[in-house]
Amino acid sequence: MSNIVSVDQINNYLGQEVGVTDWIEIDQGRINKFAVATGDHQYIHIDPERAAQTPFGTTIAHGFLTLSLMSMLSAENGGIKLENAVMGINYGLDKVRFINPVKVGSKIRARFQLVSSEEKKPNHYLIKHNVTIDIEGQDKPALIAEWLGMTVLG
């Protein structure tokens, strides 16, 4: 399915999975760069030797790193987008839960389910997706989130 739909069509997709991305690998370089960018240098993220002594057995990605990758993943094949959009704004999150750690070398992907679409003012649509970040080979996802985006139409 095309992720781009008209305002008149969007409610046809409520409750449906409307996007699944390809898998991407979470390597130590990405984790280290995130640690530098955020100042979060906790050893479970950046010190493979110490992290090997934890129940994880290796370094893990920051939960907020995994969450932040939703933007990149959504650009690939994530969620519903409206025709004639001139701008999309990250409006925030209603709920986020970090369920399963992402170990270094793991692959993740995002799945998007349309929850709602509401015209807040003329040509401004608040769209909510449930987003699940899966970890390849794991039963439990890395995270689940309710993500809000404001789409402005031209």
N, C-alpha and C. Protein backbone atom coordinates (compact mmCIF):
# COMPACT_ATOMS: atom_id res chain seq x y z
N MET A 1 0.83 -1.18 0.00
CA MET A 1 0.00 0.00 0.00
C MET A 1 0.87 1.24 0.00
N SER A 2 0.41 2.29 -0.63
CA SER A 2 1.08 3.57 -0.56
C SER A 2 0.77 4.20 0.79
N ASN A 3 1.74 4.83 1.39
CA ASN A 3 1.53 5.48 2.68
C ASN A 3 0.86 6.84 2.53
N ILE A 4 0.72 7.33 1.30
CA ILE A 4 0.17 8.66 1.07
C ILE A 4 -1.30 8.52 0.70
N VAL A 5 -2.15 9.14 1.51
CA VAL A 5 -3.59 9.04 1.29
C VAL A 5 -4.22 10.43 1.40
N SER A 6 -5.43 10.55 0.91
CA SER A 6 -6.16 11.81 1.02
C SER A 6 -6.81 11.90 2.40
N VAL A 7 -7.18 13.11 2.77
CA VAL A 7 -7.89 13.33 4.03
C VAL A 7 -9.16 12.50 4.07
N ASP A 8 -9.82 12.38 2.95
CA ASP A 8 -11.07 11.61 2.88
C ASP A 8 -10.84 10.11 3.07
N GLN A 9 -9.64 9.63 2.79
CA GLN A 9 -9.35 8.19 2.87
C GLN A 9 -8.75 7.76 4.20
N ILE A 10 -8.17 8.67 4.97
CA ILE A 10 -7.35 8.28 6.11
C ILE A 10 -8.09 7.42 7.13
N ASN A 11 -9.35 7.72 7.38
CA ASN A 11 -10.08 6.94 8.39
C ASN A 11 -10.33 5.50 7.96
N ASN A 12 -10.15 5.19 6.68
CA ASN A 12 -10.26 3.81 6.21
C ASN A 12 -9.15 2.93 6.78
N TYR A 13 -8.08 3.55 7.28
CA TYR A 13 -6.91 2.81 7.75
C TYR A 13 -6.81 2.74 9.27
N LEU A 14 -7.78 3.29 9.98
CA LEU A 14 -7.75 3.25 11.44
C LEU A 14 -7.66 1.82 11.94
N GLY A 15 -6.75 1.59 12.86
CA GLY A 15 -6.57 0.27 13.44
C GLY A 15 -5.72 -0.68 12.62
N GLN A 16 -5.29 -0.24 11.44
CA GLN A 16 -4.50 -1.11 10.56
C GLN A 16 -3.01 -0.83 10.66
N GLU A 17 -2.23 -1.86 10.40
CA GLU A 17 -0.79 -1.66 10.25
C GLU A 17 -0.57 -0.98 8.91
N VAL A 18 0.09 0.17 8.95
CA VAL A 18 0.22 1.00 7.75
C VAL A 18 1.67 1.23 7.32
N GLY A 19 2.59 0.52 7.94
CA GLY A 19 3.99 0.63 7.53
C GLY A 19 4.87 -0.31 8.33
N VAL A 20 5.81 -0.93 7.64
CA VAL A 20 6.83 -1.78 8.26
C VAL A 20 8.15 -1.45 7.57
N THR A 21 9.17 -1.16 8.35
CA THR A 21 10.45 -0.77 7.77
C THR A 21 11.36 -1.97 7.57
N ASP A 22 12.45 -1.74 6.88
CA ASP A 22 13.51 -2.74 6.79
C ASP A 22 14.25 -2.79 8.13
N TRP A 23 15.00 -3.86 8.31
CA TRP A 23 15.82 -4.01 9.52
C TRP A 23 17.06 -3.13 9.40
N ILE A 24 17.48 -2.52 10.53
CA ILE A 24 18.76 -1.81 10.58
C ILE A 24 19.56 -2.34 11.76
N GLU A 25 20.87 -2.42 11.58
CA GLU A 25 21.73 -2.93 12.64
C GLU A 25 22.14 -1.80 13.58
N ILE A 26 22.14 -2.12 14.86
CA ILE A 26 22.59 -1.18 15.88
C ILE A 26 24.01 -1.58 16.27
N ASP A 27 24.98 -0.84 15.76
CA ASP A 27 26.38 -1.17 16.04
C ASP A 27 26.94 -0.28 17.15
N GLN A 28 28.12 -0.63 17.63
CA GLN A 28 28.73 0.09 18.74
C GLN A 28 29.06 1.53 18.37
N GLY A 29 29.42 1.77 17.12
CA GLY A 29 29.71 3.13 16.69
C GLY A 29 28.52 4.05 16.87
N ARG A 30 27.34 3.59 16.47
CA ARG A 30 26.11 4.39 16.63
C ARG A 30 25.83 4.65 18.10
N ILE A 31 25.99 3.61 18.93
CA ILE A 31 25.76 3.76 20.37
C ILE A 31 26.74 4.77 20.96
N ASN A 32 28.01 4.68 20.59
CA ASN A 32 29.01 5.60 21.11
C ASN A 32 28.72 7.05 20.71
N LYS A 33 28.32 7.25 19.47
CA LYS A 33 27.99 8.61 19.01
C LYS A 33 26.80 9.17 19.77
N PHE A 34 25.82 8.33 20.06
CA PHE A 34 24.67 8.79 20.83
C PHE A 34 25.10 9.17 22.25
N ALA A 35 26.00 8.37 22.83
CA ALA A 35 26.51 8.68 24.17
C ALA A 35 27.18 10.05 24.18
N VAL A 36 27.97 10.35 23.16
CA VAL A 36 28.64 11.65 23.08
C VAL A 36 27.61 12.77 22.91
N ALA A 37 26.64 12.55 22.03
CA ALA A 37 25.64 13.59 21.76
C ALA A 37 24.79 13.91 22.98
N THR A 38 24.51 12.91 23.81
CA THR A 38 23.60 13.11 24.95
C THR A 38 24.31 13.24 26.29
N GLY A 39 25.60 12.90 26.34
CA GLY A 39 26.31 12.92 27.60
C GLY A 39 26.01 11.74 28.49
N ASP A 40 25.34 10.72 27.95
CA ASP A 40 25.00 9.52 28.72
C ASP A 40 26.06 8.47 28.43
N HIS A 41 27.07 8.42 29.30
CA HIS A 41 28.22 7.53 29.11
C HIS A 41 28.18 6.33 30.06
N GLN A 42 26.99 5.91 30.46
CA GLN A 42 26.87 4.77 31.36
C GLN A 42 27.56 3.55 30.72
N TYR A 43 28.30 2.84 31.53
CA TYR A 43 29.14 1.75 31.02
C TYR A 43 28.37 0.67 30.28
N ILE A 44 27.09 0.45 30.62
CA ILE A 44 26.33 -0.61 29.93
C ILE A 44 26.16 -0.30 28.44
N HIS A 45 26.41 0.96 28.07
CA HIS A 45 26.30 1.36 26.67
C HIS A 45 27.65 1.39 25.95
N ILE A 46 28.71 1.79 26.66
CA ILE A 46 29.95 2.11 25.96
C ILE A 46 31.18 1.29 26.36
N ASP A 47 31.07 0.48 27.38
CA ASP A 47 32.24 -0.29 27.85
C ASP A 47 31.97 -1.79 27.68
N PRO A 48 32.39 -2.37 26.55
CA PRO A 48 32.10 -3.79 26.29
C PRO A 48 32.61 -4.73 27.38
N GLU A 49 33.77 -4.46 27.96
CA GLU A 49 34.31 -5.36 28.98
C GLU A 49 33.45 -5.36 30.24
N ARG A 50 33.09 -4.19 30.75
CA ARG A 50 32.24 -4.11 31.94
C ARG A 50 30.83 -4.60 31.63
N ALA A 51 30.32 -4.25 30.47
CA ALA A 51 28.96 -4.67 30.12
C ALA A 51 28.86 -6.18 29.99
N ALA A 52 29.96 -6.84 29.62
CA ALA A 52 29.96 -8.30 29.52
C ALA A 52 29.70 -8.97 30.86
N GLN A 53 29.95 -8.25 31.96
CA GLN A 53 29.76 -8.79 33.30
C GLN A 53 28.33 -8.60 33.81
N THR A 54 27.49 -7.92 33.03
CA THR A 54 26.10 -7.66 33.44
C THR A 54 25.20 -8.78 32.92
N PRO A 55 23.96 -8.81 33.37
CA PRO A 55 23.02 -9.81 32.84
C PRO A 55 22.81 -9.70 31.33
N PHE A 56 23.11 -8.52 30.73
CA PHE A 56 22.96 -8.35 29.29
C PHE A 56 24.05 -9.09 28.52
N GLY A 57 25.23 -9.23 29.13
CA GLY A 57 26.34 -9.95 28.50
C GLY A 57 27.09 -9.15 27.45
N THR A 58 26.63 -7.95 27.16
CA THR A 58 27.25 -7.09 26.15
C THR A 58 26.70 -5.68 26.33
N THR A 59 27.19 -4.75 25.52
CA THR A 59 26.64 -3.40 25.59
C THR A 59 25.23 -3.38 24.99
N ILE A 60 24.46 -2.41 25.43
CA ILE A 60 23.09 -2.24 24.92
C ILE A 60 22.91 -0.79 24.46
N ALA A 61 22.02 -0.62 23.51
CA ALA A 61 21.69 0.73 23.05
C ALA A 61 20.91 1.47 24.13
N HIS A 62 21.10 2.77 24.16
CA HIS A 62 20.28 3.62 25.02
C HIS A 62 18.82 3.48 24.57
N GLY A 63 17.91 3.44 25.51
CA GLY A 63 16.50 3.42 25.14
C GLY A 63 16.13 4.62 24.29
N PHE A 64 16.68 5.78 24.65
CA PHE A 64 16.37 6.99 23.88
C PHE A 64 17.00 6.98 22.50
N LEU A 65 18.08 6.22 22.31
CA LEU A 65 18.62 6.05 20.96
C LEU A 65 17.61 5.29 20.11
N THR A 66 17.11 4.19 20.64
CA THR A 66 16.12 3.41 19.90
C THR A 66 14.89 4.27 19.59
N LEU A 67 14.43 5.02 20.58
CA LEU A 67 13.28 5.90 20.38
C LEU A 67 13.56 6.94 19.30
N SER A 68 14.74 7.53 19.33
CA SER A 68 15.07 8.59 18.37
C SER A 68 15.15 8.07 16.94
N LEU A 69 15.43 6.80 16.77
CA LEU A 69 15.51 6.23 15.42
C LEU A 69 14.14 6.11 14.76
N MET A 70 13.07 6.33 15.51
CA MET A 70 11.73 6.29 14.90
C MET A 70 11.61 7.33 13.79
N SER A 71 12.25 8.48 13.95
CA SER A 71 12.19 9.51 12.91
C SER A 71 12.79 9.02 11.61
N MET A 72 13.98 8.44 11.69
CA MET A 72 14.64 7.91 10.49
C MET A 72 13.82 6.77 9.90
N LEU A 73 13.35 5.87 10.74
CA LEU A 73 12.59 4.73 10.26
C LEU A 73 11.27 5.16 9.62
N SER A 74 10.63 6.16 10.18
CA SER A 74 9.33 6.58 9.63
C SER A 74 9.50 7.19 8.24
N ALA A 75 10.64 7.77 7.97
CA ALA A 75 10.88 8.35 6.64
C ALA A 75 10.92 7.27 5.58
N GLU A 76 11.33 6.05 5.97
CA GLU A 76 11.45 4.94 5.01
C GLU A 76 10.10 4.37 4.63
N ASN A 77 9.34 3.93 5.60
CA ASN A 77 8.04 3.30 5.31
C ASN A 77 7.19 3.32 6.58
N GLY A 78 7.07 4.49 7.15
CA GLY A 78 6.41 4.54 8.43
C GLY A 78 5.16 5.36 8.48
N GLY A 79 4.08 4.71 8.64
CA GLY A 79 2.84 5.39 8.92
C GLY A 79 2.20 6.07 7.73
N ILE A 80 1.03 6.59 8.00
CA ILE A 80 0.24 7.29 7.00
C ILE A 80 0.73 8.72 6.84
N LYS A 81 0.78 9.15 5.60
CA LYS A 81 1.09 10.54 5.30
C LYS A 81 -0.04 11.08 4.42
N LEU A 82 -0.35 12.35 4.59
CA LEU A 82 -1.45 12.94 3.85
C LEU A 82 -0.98 13.60 2.56
N GLU A 83 -1.82 13.47 1.52
CA GLU A 83 -1.57 14.17 0.26
C GLU A 83 -1.55 15.67 0.51
N ASN A 84 -0.77 16.36 -0.30
CA ASN A 84 -0.69 17.83 -0.26
C ASN A 84 -0.09 18.37 1.03
N ALA A 85 0.67 17.53 1.74
CA ALA A 85 1.34 17.99 2.96
C ALA A 85 2.50 18.92 2.58
N VAL A 86 2.60 20.02 3.29
CA VAL A 86 3.72 20.94 3.10
C VAL A 86 4.70 20.85 4.26
N MET A 87 4.24 20.25 5.36
CA MET A 87 5.10 20.17 6.53
C MET A 87 4.56 19.12 7.49
N GLY A 88 5.48 18.38 8.10
CA GLY A 88 5.14 17.47 9.17
C GLY A 88 5.93 17.85 10.40
N ILE A 89 5.27 17.88 11.54
CA ILE A 89 5.92 18.30 12.78
C ILE A 89 5.79 17.18 13.80
N ASN A 90 6.90 16.85 14.44
CA ASN A 90 6.87 15.89 15.54
C ASN A 90 6.14 16.57 16.70
N TYR A 91 4.98 16.04 17.06
CA TYR A 91 4.12 16.67 18.05
C TYR A 91 4.32 16.08 19.45
N GLY A 92 4.99 14.94 19.51
CA GLY A 92 5.28 14.34 20.81
C GLY A 92 4.81 12.91 20.93
N LEU A 93 4.80 12.45 22.15
CA LEU A 93 4.47 11.06 22.46
C LEU A 93 3.47 11.04 23.61
N ASP A 94 2.45 10.21 23.49
CA ASP A 94 1.53 10.05 24.60
C ASP A 94 2.01 8.99 25.58
N LYS A 95 2.71 7.98 25.08
CA LYS A 95 3.14 6.88 25.94
C LYS A 95 4.34 6.22 25.30
N VAL A 96 5.32 5.89 26.12
CA VAL A 96 6.49 5.14 25.66
C VAL A 96 6.83 4.11 26.73
N ARG A 97 7.09 2.89 26.30
CA ARG A 97 7.56 1.86 27.22
C ARG A 97 8.75 1.15 26.59
N PHE A 98 9.85 1.09 27.34
CA PHE A 98 11.04 0.35 26.93
C PHE A 98 10.90 -1.06 27.50
N ILE A 99 10.73 -2.04 26.62
CA ILE A 99 10.34 -3.38 27.05
C ILE A 99 11.52 -4.36 27.07
N ASN A 100 12.41 -4.24 26.09
CA ASN A 100 13.46 -5.24 25.91
C ASN A 100 14.72 -4.50 25.44
N PRO A 101 15.88 -4.74 26.07
CA PRO A 101 17.08 -4.02 25.65
C PRO A 101 17.54 -4.45 24.25
N VAL A 102 18.11 -3.49 23.54
CA VAL A 102 18.67 -3.74 22.21
C VAL A 102 20.17 -3.95 22.38
N LYS A 103 20.60 -5.18 22.24
CA LYS A 103 22.03 -5.50 22.39
C LYS A 103 22.79 -5.07 21.15
N VAL A 104 24.03 -4.68 21.34
CA VAL A 104 24.88 -4.29 20.23
C VAL A 104 24.89 -5.42 19.19
N GLY A 105 24.81 -5.04 17.92
CA GLY A 105 24.79 -6.02 16.84
C GLY A 105 23.39 -6.49 16.47
N SER A 106 22.39 -6.13 17.28
CA SER A 106 21.02 -6.51 16.98
C SER A 106 20.49 -5.69 15.81
N LYS A 107 19.45 -6.22 15.17
CA LYS A 107 18.75 -5.48 14.12
C LYS A 107 17.36 -5.14 14.64
N ILE A 108 16.93 -3.91 14.32
CA ILE A 108 15.60 -3.46 14.70
C ILE A 108 14.83 -2.99 13.47
N ARG A 109 13.51 -2.97 13.61
CA ARG A 109 12.64 -2.39 12.58
C ARG A 109 11.45 -1.78 13.31
N ALA A 110 10.71 -0.94 12.58
CA ALA A 110 9.52 -0.31 13.16
C ALA A 110 8.27 -0.77 12.43
N ARG A 111 7.20 -0.94 13.18
CA ARG A 111 5.88 -1.22 12.62
C ARG A 111 4.94 -0.11 13.11
N PHE A 112 4.13 0.40 12.19
CA PHE A 112 3.25 1.53 12.47
C PHE A 112 1.80 1.13 12.28
N GLN A 113 0.98 1.45 13.28
CA GLN A 113 -0.46 1.20 13.21
C GLN A 113 -1.16 2.55 13.41
N LEU A 114 -2.07 2.90 12.50
CA LEU A 114 -2.79 4.16 12.60
C LEU A 114 -3.84 4.08 13.70
N VAL A 115 -3.80 5.04 14.62
CA VAL A 115 -4.74 5.08 15.74
C VAL A 115 -5.82 6.13 15.51
N SER A 116 -5.41 7.33 15.08
CA SER A 116 -6.40 8.40 14.91
C SER A 116 -5.87 9.50 14.01
N SER A 117 -6.82 10.28 13.50
CA SER A 117 -6.53 11.48 12.72
C SER A 117 -7.61 12.49 13.04
N GLU A 118 -7.18 13.69 13.41
CA GLU A 118 -8.14 14.71 13.80
C GLU A 118 -7.70 16.07 13.25
N GLU A 119 -8.62 16.76 12.59
CA GLU A 119 -8.31 18.11 12.12
C GLU A 119 -8.42 19.05 13.32
N LYS A 120 -7.29 19.62 13.73
CA LYS A 120 -7.24 20.48 14.91
C LYS A 120 -7.63 21.91 14.58
N LYS A 121 -7.25 22.37 13.40
CA LYS A 121 -7.68 23.65 12.84
C LYS A 121 -7.56 23.48 11.34
N PRO A 122 -8.09 24.38 10.56
CA PRO A 122 -8.08 24.15 9.11
C PRO A 122 -6.70 23.76 8.57
N ASN A 123 -6.68 22.63 7.85
CA ASN A 123 -5.47 22.10 7.20
C ASN A 123 -4.37 21.68 8.16
N HIS A 124 -4.69 21.43 9.42
CA HIS A 124 -3.73 20.95 10.42
C HIS A 124 -4.31 19.66 11.03
N TYR A 125 -3.67 18.53 10.73
CA TYR A 125 -4.18 17.23 11.15
C TYR A 125 -3.23 16.58 12.15
N LEU A 126 -3.76 16.25 13.32
CA LEU A 126 -3.00 15.54 14.34
C LEU A 126 -3.21 14.05 14.10
N ILE A 127 -2.13 13.35 13.79
CA ILE A 127 -2.19 11.92 13.45
C ILE A 127 -1.42 11.14 14.51
N LYS A 128 -2.08 10.10 15.03
CA LYS A 128 -1.44 9.25 16.05
C LYS A 128 -1.22 7.86 15.49
N HIS A 129 0.01 7.36 15.69
CA HIS A 129 0.36 5.98 15.34
C HIS A 129 0.84 5.25 16.59
N ASN A 130 0.47 3.99 16.70
CA ASN A 130 1.17 3.10 17.63
C ASN A 130 2.40 2.61 16.88
N VAL A 131 3.55 2.73 17.52
CA VAL A 131 4.80 2.29 16.91
C VAL A 131 5.40 1.19 17.78
N THR A 132 5.76 0.10 17.14
CA THR A 132 6.44 -1.00 17.81
C THR A 132 7.81 -1.15 17.17
N ILE A 133 8.85 -1.13 17.99
CA ILE A 133 10.21 -1.38 17.50
C ILE A 133 10.55 -2.83 17.84
N ASP A 134 10.59 -3.65 16.80
CA ASP A 134 10.93 -5.06 16.96
C ASP A 134 12.43 -5.26 16.97
N ILE A 135 12.86 -6.33 17.63
CA ILE A 135 14.25 -6.78 17.60
C ILE A 135 14.24 -8.12 16.88
N GLU A 136 15.05 -8.22 15.83
CA GLU A 136 15.09 -9.45 15.04
C GLU A 136 15.41 -10.64 15.94
N GLY A 137 14.57 -11.69 15.84
CA GLY A 137 14.80 -12.92 16.59
C GLY A 137 14.30 -12.89 18.02
N GLN A 138 13.68 -11.79 18.44
CA GLN A 138 13.17 -11.68 19.81
C GLN A 138 11.64 -11.66 19.79
N ASP A 139 11.04 -12.29 20.79
CA ASP A 139 9.59 -12.28 20.90
C ASP A 139 9.07 -10.93 21.40
N LYS A 140 9.79 -10.33 22.34
CA LYS A 140 9.36 -9.05 22.91
C LYS A 140 10.02 -7.90 22.15
N PRO A 141 9.25 -6.85 21.86
CA PRO A 141 9.83 -5.70 21.16
C PRO A 141 10.75 -4.89 22.07
N ALA A 142 11.54 -4.04 21.44
CA ALA A 142 12.40 -3.12 22.19
C ALA A 142 11.56 -2.06 22.89
N LEU A 143 10.58 -1.53 22.16
CA LEU A 143 9.73 -0.50 22.74
C LEU A 143 8.40 -0.43 22.01
N ILE A 144 7.45 0.17 22.70
CA ILE A 144 6.18 0.54 22.09
C ILE A 144 5.96 2.01 22.42
N ALA A 145 5.34 2.73 21.48
CA ALA A 145 5.10 4.16 21.69
C ALA A 145 3.84 4.59 20.97
N GLU A 146 3.19 5.59 21.53
CA GLU A 146 2.09 6.28 20.87
C GLU A 146 2.67 7.61 20.41
N TRP A 147 2.82 7.76 19.10
CA TRP A 147 3.54 8.89 18.51
C TRP A 147 2.57 9.82 17.79
N LEU A 148 2.69 11.10 18.07
CA LEU A 148 1.84 12.11 17.48
C LEU A 148 2.60 12.95 16.46
N GLY A 149 1.96 13.20 15.34
CA GLY A 149 2.54 14.07 14.33
C GLY A 149 1.49 15.04 13.82
N MET A 150 1.89 16.28 13.63
CA MET A 150 0.99 17.29 13.07
C MET A 150 1.36 17.47 11.60
N THR A 151 0.39 17.24 10.72
CA THR A 151 0.58 17.42 9.28
C THR A 151 -0.13 18.70 8.86
N VAL A 152 0.62 19.56 8.17
CA VAL A 152 0.05 20.80 7.67
C VAL A 152 -0.11 20.66 6.15
N LEU A 153 -1.32 20.89 5.67
CA LEU A 153 -1.61 20.78 4.25
C LEU A 153 -1.51 22.14 3.58
N GLY A 154 -1.12 22.12 2.28
CA GLY A 154 -0.97 23.36 1.52
C GLY A 154 -2.25 23.77 0.85
